[in-house]
């Protein structure tokens, strides 16, 4: 499939605007996607105009005055990937620490439960366990004493 002369003219004008840093329809980045956007064409159509693409890339390379956008983006991706890796490592470490804490606390609860059972058994053998009256839900008064305290 060939590219129409109108599409070629639009790509050439778009390349000139991008290289002059005066974009009308794109973010101004020196990429093929921005070139296509600037020309009002699809990227597929832009990539079919191989001569214009080669000329655009050569002109971008010749400029060399600004940051190489793809390299800058790759560096940003590397930095963000490193930050994400560090955040995941920290989260994993925190989860591991919390699991250890849960295991430790569960062991303490179990030990205290066993101690409590042993103390109750010992008191039961002595016969000195006093049962407290059950709490009532009638304003906190317990029958048996005039002041309601038991």
N, C-alpha and C. Protein backbone atom coordinates (compact mmCIF):
# COMPACT_ATOMS: atom_id res chain seq x y z
N UNK A 1 0.86 -1.18 0.00
CA UNK A 1 0.00 0.00 0.00
C UNK A 1 0.90 1.24 0.00
N UNK A 2 0.61 2.14 -0.87
CA UNK A 2 1.44 3.33 -1.00
C UNK A 2 0.87 4.48 -0.18
N UNK A 3 1.72 5.43 0.06
CA UNK A 3 1.33 6.61 0.82
C UNK A 3 0.98 7.71 -0.17
N UNK A 4 -0.13 8.37 0.05
CA UNK A 4 -0.59 9.41 -0.87
C UNK A 4 0.33 10.63 -0.80
N UNK A 5 0.37 11.41 -1.87
CA UNK A 5 1.20 12.63 -1.85
C UNK A 5 0.76 13.60 -0.75
N UNK A 6 -0.53 13.64 -0.43
CA UNK A 6 -1.00 14.52 0.65
C UNK A 6 -0.43 14.06 2.00
N UNK A 7 -0.41 12.73 2.23
CA UNK A 7 0.14 12.20 3.48
C UNK A 7 1.63 12.48 3.56
N UNK A 8 2.34 12.34 2.45
CA UNK A 8 3.78 12.63 2.44
C UNK A 8 4.04 14.10 2.76
N UNK A 9 3.22 14.97 2.18
CA UNK A 9 3.39 16.41 2.43
C UNK A 9 3.08 16.72 3.89
N UNK A 10 2.04 16.07 4.44
CA UNK A 10 1.69 16.30 5.85
C UNK A 10 2.80 15.83 6.77
N UNK A 11 3.43 14.69 6.46
CA UNK A 11 4.55 14.18 7.27
C UNK A 11 5.76 15.10 7.18
N UNK A 12 6.05 15.60 6.00
CA UNK A 12 7.19 16.52 5.85
C UNK A 12 6.97 17.81 6.64
N UNK A 13 5.74 18.35 6.56
CA UNK A 13 5.43 19.57 7.30
C UNK A 13 5.48 19.31 8.81
N UNK A 14 4.98 18.15 9.22
CA UNK A 14 5.00 17.79 10.64
C UNK A 14 6.43 17.64 11.14
N UNK A 15 7.29 17.01 10.33
CA UNK A 15 8.70 16.85 10.71
C UNK A 15 9.35 18.21 10.88
N UNK A 16 9.08 19.12 9.96
CA UNK A 16 9.66 20.47 10.07
C UNK A 16 9.19 21.16 11.35
N UNK A 17 7.89 21.05 11.66
CA UNK A 17 7.37 21.69 12.88
C UNK A 17 7.99 21.08 14.14
N UNK A 18 8.09 19.74 14.17
CA UNK A 18 8.68 19.09 15.36
C UNK A 18 10.14 19.50 15.53
N UNK A 19 10.89 19.51 14.44
CA UNK A 19 12.31 19.86 14.53
C UNK A 19 12.50 21.35 14.86
N UNK A 20 11.51 22.16 14.54
CA UNK A 20 11.57 23.58 14.87
C UNK A 20 10.99 23.85 16.27
N UNK A 21 10.58 22.79 16.96
CA UNK A 21 10.00 22.87 18.31
C UNK A 21 8.74 23.74 18.32
N UNK A 22 7.92 23.60 17.29
CA UNK A 22 6.65 24.33 17.26
C UNK A 22 5.51 23.40 16.84
N UNK A 23 5.24 22.39 17.66
CA UNK A 23 4.19 21.44 17.30
C UNK A 23 2.80 22.06 17.41
N UNK A 24 1.89 21.55 16.60
CA UNK A 24 0.50 22.01 16.64
C UNK A 24 -0.43 20.96 17.24
N UNK A 25 -0.14 19.69 17.00
CA UNK A 25 -1.07 18.63 17.42
C UNK A 25 -0.44 17.56 18.32
N UNK A 26 0.80 17.68 18.67
CA UNK A 26 1.45 16.64 19.46
C UNK A 26 2.18 17.26 20.64
N UNK A 27 2.83 16.39 21.42
CA UNK A 27 3.57 16.88 22.58
C UNK A 27 4.94 17.43 22.21
N UNK A 28 5.32 17.33 20.94
CA UNK A 28 6.59 17.89 20.49
C UNK A 28 7.76 16.95 20.63
N UNK A 29 7.54 15.74 21.12
CA UNK A 29 8.66 14.81 21.24
C UNK A 29 9.10 14.38 19.84
N UNK A 30 10.35 14.06 19.73
CA UNK A 30 10.92 13.71 18.42
C UNK A 30 10.85 12.21 18.21
N UNK A 31 9.64 11.71 18.12
CA UNK A 31 9.39 10.29 17.91
C UNK A 31 8.49 10.11 16.70
N UNK A 32 8.47 8.89 16.18
CA UNK A 32 7.62 8.60 15.03
C UNK A 32 6.15 8.73 15.41
N UNK A 33 5.80 8.33 16.62
CA UNK A 33 4.41 8.46 17.08
C UNK A 33 4.00 9.93 17.10
N UNK A 34 4.87 10.80 17.59
CA UNK A 34 4.55 12.23 17.61
C UNK A 34 4.51 12.79 16.20
N UNK A 35 5.38 12.30 15.33
CA UNK A 35 5.36 12.74 13.93
C UNK A 35 4.02 12.40 13.29
N UNK A 36 3.56 11.18 13.49
CA UNK A 36 2.28 10.77 12.92
C UNK A 36 1.15 11.60 13.50
N UNK A 37 1.15 11.81 14.80
CA UNK A 37 0.12 12.63 15.46
C UNK A 37 0.14 14.05 14.91
N UNK A 38 1.33 14.58 14.76
CA UNK A 38 1.49 15.95 14.26
C UNK A 38 0.97 16.07 12.83
N UNK A 39 1.15 15.01 12.04
CA UNK A 39 0.69 15.02 10.65
C UNK A 39 -0.80 14.69 10.54
N UNK A 40 -1.39 14.21 11.63
CA UNK A 40 -2.80 13.83 11.60
C UNK A 40 -3.02 12.50 10.90
N UNK A 41 -2.01 11.63 10.97
CA UNK A 41 -2.07 10.32 10.32
C UNK A 41 -1.88 9.22 11.34
N UNK A 42 -2.19 8.00 10.94
CA UNK A 42 -1.94 6.86 11.82
C UNK A 42 -0.45 6.54 11.79
N UNK A 43 0.01 5.84 12.80
CA UNK A 43 1.43 5.44 12.81
C UNK A 43 1.72 4.47 11.67
N UNK A 44 0.74 3.63 11.36
CA UNK A 44 0.94 2.68 10.26
C UNK A 44 1.22 3.43 8.96
N UNK A 45 0.45 4.47 8.70
CA UNK A 45 0.68 5.27 7.49
C UNK A 45 2.04 5.94 7.55
N UNK A 46 2.40 6.47 8.69
CA UNK A 46 3.69 7.13 8.84
C UNK A 46 4.83 6.15 8.58
N UNK A 47 4.72 4.94 9.12
CA UNK A 47 5.80 3.97 8.94
C UNK A 47 5.90 3.48 7.49
N UNK A 48 4.85 3.59 6.71
CA UNK A 48 4.92 3.22 5.30
C UNK A 48 5.70 4.26 4.49
N UNK A 49 5.82 5.46 5.01
CA UNK A 49 6.59 6.51 4.33
C UNK A 49 8.05 6.40 4.78
N UNK A 50 8.70 5.34 4.32
CA UNK A 50 10.03 5.00 4.82
C UNK A 50 11.07 6.08 4.56
N UNK A 51 11.02 6.72 3.41
CA UNK A 51 12.01 7.75 3.12
C UNK A 51 11.88 8.94 4.08
N UNK A 52 10.65 9.35 4.35
CA UNK A 52 10.44 10.47 5.27
C UNK A 52 10.86 10.08 6.69
N UNK A 53 10.56 8.86 7.08
CA UNK A 53 10.95 8.37 8.42
C UNK A 53 12.48 8.38 8.54
N UNK A 54 13.17 7.85 7.52
CA UNK A 54 14.64 7.83 7.56
C UNK A 54 15.21 9.25 7.62
N UNK A 55 14.64 10.15 6.83
CA UNK A 55 15.10 11.54 6.83
C UNK A 55 14.84 12.19 8.19
N UNK A 56 13.67 11.95 8.76
CA UNK A 56 13.33 12.50 10.07
C UNK A 56 14.31 12.01 11.13
N UNK A 57 14.56 10.70 11.14
CA UNK A 57 15.49 10.13 12.14
C UNK A 57 16.91 10.70 11.95
N UNK A 58 17.34 10.83 10.70
CA UNK A 58 18.67 11.38 10.44
C UNK A 58 18.76 12.83 10.93
N UNK A 59 17.71 13.60 10.67
CA UNK A 59 17.71 15.01 11.11
C UNK A 59 17.70 15.09 12.64
N UNK A 60 16.97 14.20 13.28
CA UNK A 60 16.95 14.18 14.76
C UNK A 60 18.34 13.85 15.28
N UNK A 61 18.97 12.83 14.68
CA UNK A 61 20.31 12.43 15.12
C UNK A 61 21.33 13.55 14.90
N UNK A 62 21.18 14.29 13.81
CA UNK A 62 22.12 15.37 13.50
C UNK A 62 22.00 16.51 14.50
N UNK A 63 20.80 16.72 15.02
CA UNK A 63 20.61 17.82 15.98
C UNK A 63 21.49 17.63 17.19
N UNK A 64 21.32 16.52 17.86
CA UNK A 64 22.13 16.19 19.02
C UNK A 64 22.18 17.24 20.10
N UNK A 65 21.30 18.23 20.09
CA UNK A 65 21.36 19.31 21.08
C UNK A 65 20.48 19.07 22.29
N UNK A 66 19.58 18.16 22.22
CA UNK A 66 18.68 17.91 23.34
C UNK A 66 18.84 16.49 23.85
N UNK A 67 18.15 16.20 24.90
CA UNK A 67 18.25 14.85 25.43
C UNK A 67 17.61 13.86 24.46
N UNK A 68 18.17 12.71 24.39
CA UNK A 68 17.62 11.65 23.56
C UNK A 68 16.40 11.10 24.31
N UNK A 69 15.23 11.39 23.80
CA UNK A 69 14.00 11.04 24.52
C UNK A 69 13.89 9.56 24.82
N UNK A 70 14.13 8.67 23.84
CA UNK A 70 14.04 7.26 24.19
C UNK A 70 15.02 6.85 25.28
N UNK A 71 16.25 7.37 25.22
CA UNK A 71 17.22 7.04 26.27
C UNK A 71 16.77 7.60 27.62
N UNK A 72 16.24 8.82 27.61
CA UNK A 72 15.75 9.43 28.85
C UNK A 72 14.60 8.60 29.43
N UNK A 73 13.71 8.17 28.57
CA UNK A 73 12.59 7.35 29.03
C UNK A 73 13.08 5.99 29.53
N UNK A 74 14.05 5.41 28.84
CA UNK A 74 14.59 4.13 29.31
C UNK A 74 15.23 4.28 30.70
N UNK A 75 15.95 5.37 30.89
CA UNK A 75 16.57 5.63 32.20
C UNK A 75 15.50 5.80 33.28
N UNK A 76 14.44 6.53 32.94
CA UNK A 76 13.34 6.70 33.89
C UNK A 76 12.69 5.36 34.21
N UNK A 77 12.51 4.53 33.21
CA UNK A 77 11.94 3.20 33.43
C UNK A 77 12.85 2.38 34.34
N UNK A 78 14.17 2.46 34.11
CA UNK A 78 15.11 1.73 34.98
C UNK A 78 15.01 2.22 36.42
N UNK A 79 14.94 3.54 36.61
CA UNK A 79 14.84 4.10 37.96
C UNK A 79 13.55 3.65 38.63
N UNK A 80 12.44 3.75 37.92
CA UNK A 80 11.15 3.37 38.50
C UNK A 80 11.08 1.88 38.77
N UNK A 81 11.68 1.09 37.90
CA UNK A 81 11.72 -0.36 38.12
C UNK A 81 12.52 -0.67 39.38
N UNK A 82 13.62 0.04 39.58
CA UNK A 82 14.42 -0.14 40.79
C UNK A 82 13.64 0.26 42.04
N UNK A 83 12.92 1.38 41.96
CA UNK A 83 12.11 1.82 43.10
C UNK A 83 11.00 0.81 43.39
N UNK A 84 10.39 0.28 42.34
CA UNK A 84 9.34 -0.72 42.53
C UNK A 84 9.91 -1.98 43.16
N UNK A 85 11.08 -2.40 42.70
CA UNK A 85 11.73 -3.58 43.26
C UNK A 85 12.01 -3.37 44.75
N UNK A 86 12.51 -2.18 45.10
CA UNK A 86 12.81 -1.86 46.50
C UNK A 86 11.54 -1.83 47.34
N UNK A 87 10.47 -1.26 46.80
CA UNK A 87 9.20 -1.20 47.54
C UNK A 87 8.65 -2.61 47.76
N UNK A 88 8.76 -3.46 46.75
CA UNK A 88 8.29 -4.85 46.90
C UNK A 88 9.13 -5.59 47.94
N UNK A 89 10.46 -5.36 47.92
CA UNK A 89 11.32 -6.02 48.89
C UNK A 89 10.97 -5.58 50.30
N UNK A 90 10.74 -4.26 50.47
CA UNK A 90 10.39 -3.74 51.79
C UNK A 90 9.04 -4.30 52.25
N UNK A 91 8.08 -4.38 51.33
CA UNK A 91 6.77 -4.93 51.68
C UNK A 91 6.89 -6.40 52.08
N UNK A 92 7.69 -7.15 51.32
CA UNK A 92 7.89 -8.56 51.65
C UNK A 92 8.54 -8.71 53.02
N UNK A 93 9.53 -7.87 53.29
CA UNK A 93 10.21 -7.91 54.58
C UNK A 93 9.23 -7.59 55.72
N UNK A 94 8.39 -6.59 55.51
CA UNK A 94 7.41 -6.21 56.54
C UNK A 94 6.41 -7.34 56.78
N UNK A 95 5.94 -7.95 55.72
CA UNK A 95 4.99 -9.06 55.85
C UNK A 95 5.64 -10.22 56.59
N UNK A 96 6.89 -10.51 56.26
CA UNK A 96 7.61 -11.59 56.94
C UNK A 96 7.74 -11.28 58.44
N UNK A 97 8.10 -10.03 58.77
CA UNK A 97 8.22 -9.64 60.18
C UNK A 97 6.87 -9.75 60.90
N UNK A 98 5.81 -9.32 60.25
CA UNK A 98 4.48 -9.40 60.86
C UNK A 98 4.06 -10.85 61.08
N UNK A 99 4.38 -11.72 60.15
CA UNK A 99 4.04 -13.14 60.32
C UNK A 99 4.80 -13.73 61.50
N UNK A 100 6.07 -13.34 61.63
CA UNK A 100 6.85 -13.81 62.79
C UNK A 100 6.21 -13.31 64.09
N UNK A 101 5.78 -12.05 64.09
CA UNK A 101 5.14 -11.49 65.29
C UNK A 101 3.86 -12.24 65.61
N UNK A 102 3.07 -12.55 64.61
CA UNK A 102 1.82 -13.29 64.83
C UNK A 102 2.13 -14.66 65.42
N UNK A 103 3.13 -15.34 64.87
CA UNK A 103 3.50 -16.66 65.40
C UNK A 103 3.95 -16.55 66.86
N UNK A 104 4.78 -15.54 67.16
CA UNK A 104 5.26 -15.35 68.53
C UNK A 104 4.09 -15.06 69.48
N UNK A 105 3.21 -14.17 69.06
CA UNK A 105 2.06 -13.83 69.91
C UNK A 105 1.13 -15.03 70.10
N UNK A 106 0.95 -15.82 69.09
CA UNK A 106 0.12 -17.02 69.22
C UNK A 106 0.74 -17.99 70.23
N UNK A 107 2.07 -18.11 70.21
CA UNK A 107 2.74 -18.96 71.19
C UNK A 107 2.55 -18.42 72.61
N UNK A 108 2.62 -17.09 72.76
CA UNK A 108 2.42 -16.49 74.08
C UNK A 108 0.99 -16.73 74.57
N UNK A 109 0.02 -16.58 73.70
CA UNK A 109 -1.38 -16.83 74.07
C UNK A 109 -1.55 -18.27 74.49
N UNK A 110 -0.95 -19.18 73.75
CA UNK A 110 -1.05 -20.59 74.09
C UNK A 110 -0.42 -20.87 75.45
N UNK A 111 0.76 -20.30 75.70
CA UNK A 111 1.44 -20.51 76.98
C UNK A 111 0.61 -19.93 78.13
N UNK A 112 0.06 -18.74 77.94
CA UNK A 112 -0.76 -18.13 78.99
C UNK A 112 -2.04 -18.93 79.24
N UNK A 113 -2.62 -19.47 78.18
CA UNK A 113 -3.81 -20.31 78.33
C UNK A 113 -3.48 -21.55 79.14
N UNK A 114 -2.35 -22.17 78.86
CA UNK A 114 -1.95 -23.36 79.63
C UNK A 114 -1.68 -23.00 81.09
N UNK A 115 -1.01 -21.86 81.32
CA UNK A 115 -0.77 -21.41 82.69
C UNK A 115 -2.09 -21.16 83.41
N UNK A 116 -3.02 -20.52 82.74
CA UNK A 116 -4.33 -20.23 83.33
C UNK A 116 -5.06 -21.53 83.69
N UNK A 117 -5.02 -22.50 82.79
CA UNK A 117 -5.67 -23.79 83.07
C UNK A 117 -5.02 -24.48 84.26
N UNK A 118 -3.68 -24.41 84.34
CA UNK A 118 -2.98 -25.04 85.46
C UNK A 118 -3.33 -24.35 86.77
N UNK A 119 -3.41 -23.03 86.77
CA UNK A 119 -3.77 -22.29 88.00
C UNK A 119 -5.20 -22.59 88.41
N UNK A 120 -6.11 -22.67 87.46
CA UNK A 120 -7.49 -23.01 87.79
C UNK A 120 -7.60 -24.42 88.36
N UNK A 121 -6.84 -25.33 87.79
CA UNK A 121 -6.86 -26.70 88.29
C UNK A 121 -6.32 -26.75 89.72
N UNK A 122 -5.25 -26.01 89.97
CA UNK A 122 -4.67 -25.97 91.32
C UNK A 122 -5.65 -25.38 92.32
N UNK A 123 -6.29 -24.29 91.95
CA UNK A 123 -7.27 -23.68 92.84
C UNK A 123 -8.48 -24.58 93.03
N UNK A 124 -8.84 -25.32 92.01
CA UNK A 124 -9.96 -26.25 92.12
C UNK A 124 -9.67 -27.36 93.12
N UNK A 125 -8.43 -27.79 93.17
CA UNK A 125 -8.05 -28.84 94.13
C UNK A 125 -8.09 -28.31 95.56
N UNK A 126 -7.77 -27.04 95.74
CA UNK A 126 -7.79 -26.45 97.07
C UNK A 126 -9.21 -26.14 97.51
N UNK A 127 -10.10 -25.99 96.55
CA UNK A 127 -11.49 -25.69 96.89
C UNK A 127 -11.70 -24.25 97.29
N UNK A 128 -10.83 -23.38 96.91
CA UNK A 128 -10.98 -22.00 97.35
C UNK A 128 -11.37 -21.06 96.21
N UNK A 129 -11.98 -21.58 95.17
CA UNK A 129 -12.43 -20.71 94.09
C UNK A 129 -13.78 -20.15 94.47
N UNK A 130 -13.88 -18.87 94.44
CA UNK A 130 -15.14 -18.20 94.72
C UNK A 130 -15.76 -17.79 93.40
N UNK A 131 -17.02 -18.08 93.26
CA UNK A 131 -17.70 -17.68 92.04
C UNK A 131 -18.32 -16.33 92.27
N UNK A 132 -18.01 -15.42 91.36
CA UNK A 132 -18.57 -14.07 91.46
C UNK A 132 -19.99 -14.10 90.91
N UNK A 133 -20.86 -13.24 91.46
CA UNK A 133 -22.22 -13.21 90.92
C UNK A 133 -22.20 -12.73 89.47
N UNK A 134 -23.13 -13.24 88.72
CA UNK A 134 -23.21 -12.88 87.31
C UNK A 134 -23.62 -11.41 87.17
N UNK A 135 -23.07 -10.75 86.20
CA UNK A 135 -23.43 -9.35 85.95
C UNK A 135 -24.84 -9.30 85.41
N UNK A 136 -25.59 -8.29 85.85
CA UNK A 136 -26.98 -8.15 85.40
C UNK A 136 -27.05 -6.94 84.49
N UNK A 137 -28.03 -6.97 83.66
CA UNK A 137 -28.21 -5.90 82.70
C UNK A 137 -29.38 -5.01 83.08
N UNK A 138 -29.59 -4.82 84.38
CA UNK A 138 -30.71 -3.98 84.83
C UNK A 138 -30.17 -2.74 85.53
N UNK A 139 -29.20 -2.09 84.91
CA UNK A 139 -28.66 -0.86 85.49
C UNK A 139 -27.49 -1.14 86.41
N UNK A 140 -26.99 -2.36 86.46
CA UNK A 140 -25.82 -2.66 87.24
C UNK A 140 -26.08 -3.02 88.69
N UNK A 141 -27.35 -3.06 89.12
CA UNK A 141 -27.65 -3.42 90.50
C UNK A 141 -27.67 -4.93 90.65
N UNK A 142 -27.03 -5.39 91.72
CA UNK A 142 -26.99 -6.82 92.00
C UNK A 142 -27.85 -7.06 93.22
N UNK A 143 -28.70 -8.09 93.11
CA UNK A 143 -29.61 -8.36 94.22
C UNK A 143 -28.84 -8.86 95.43
N UNK A 144 -29.38 -8.63 96.58
CA UNK A 144 -28.80 -9.17 97.81
C UNK A 144 -28.34 -8.10 98.75
N UNK A 145 -27.98 -6.93 98.29
CA UNK A 145 -27.54 -5.85 99.15
C UNK A 145 -28.37 -4.62 98.86
N UNK A 146 -28.66 -3.86 99.88
CA UNK A 146 -29.49 -2.69 99.68
C UNK A 146 -28.83 -1.65 98.77
N UNK A 147 -27.49 -1.58 98.76
CA UNK A 147 -26.85 -0.57 97.91
C UNK A 147 -26.62 -1.10 96.50
N UNK A 148 -27.00 -2.35 96.25
CA UNK A 148 -26.90 -2.94 94.91
C UNK A 148 -25.52 -3.45 94.58
N UNK A 149 -24.64 -3.59 95.54
CA UNK A 149 -23.27 -4.04 95.25
C UNK A 149 -23.07 -5.52 95.54
N UNK A 150 -24.11 -6.23 95.89
CA UNK A 150 -23.95 -7.66 96.07
C UNK A 150 -24.20 -8.01 97.44
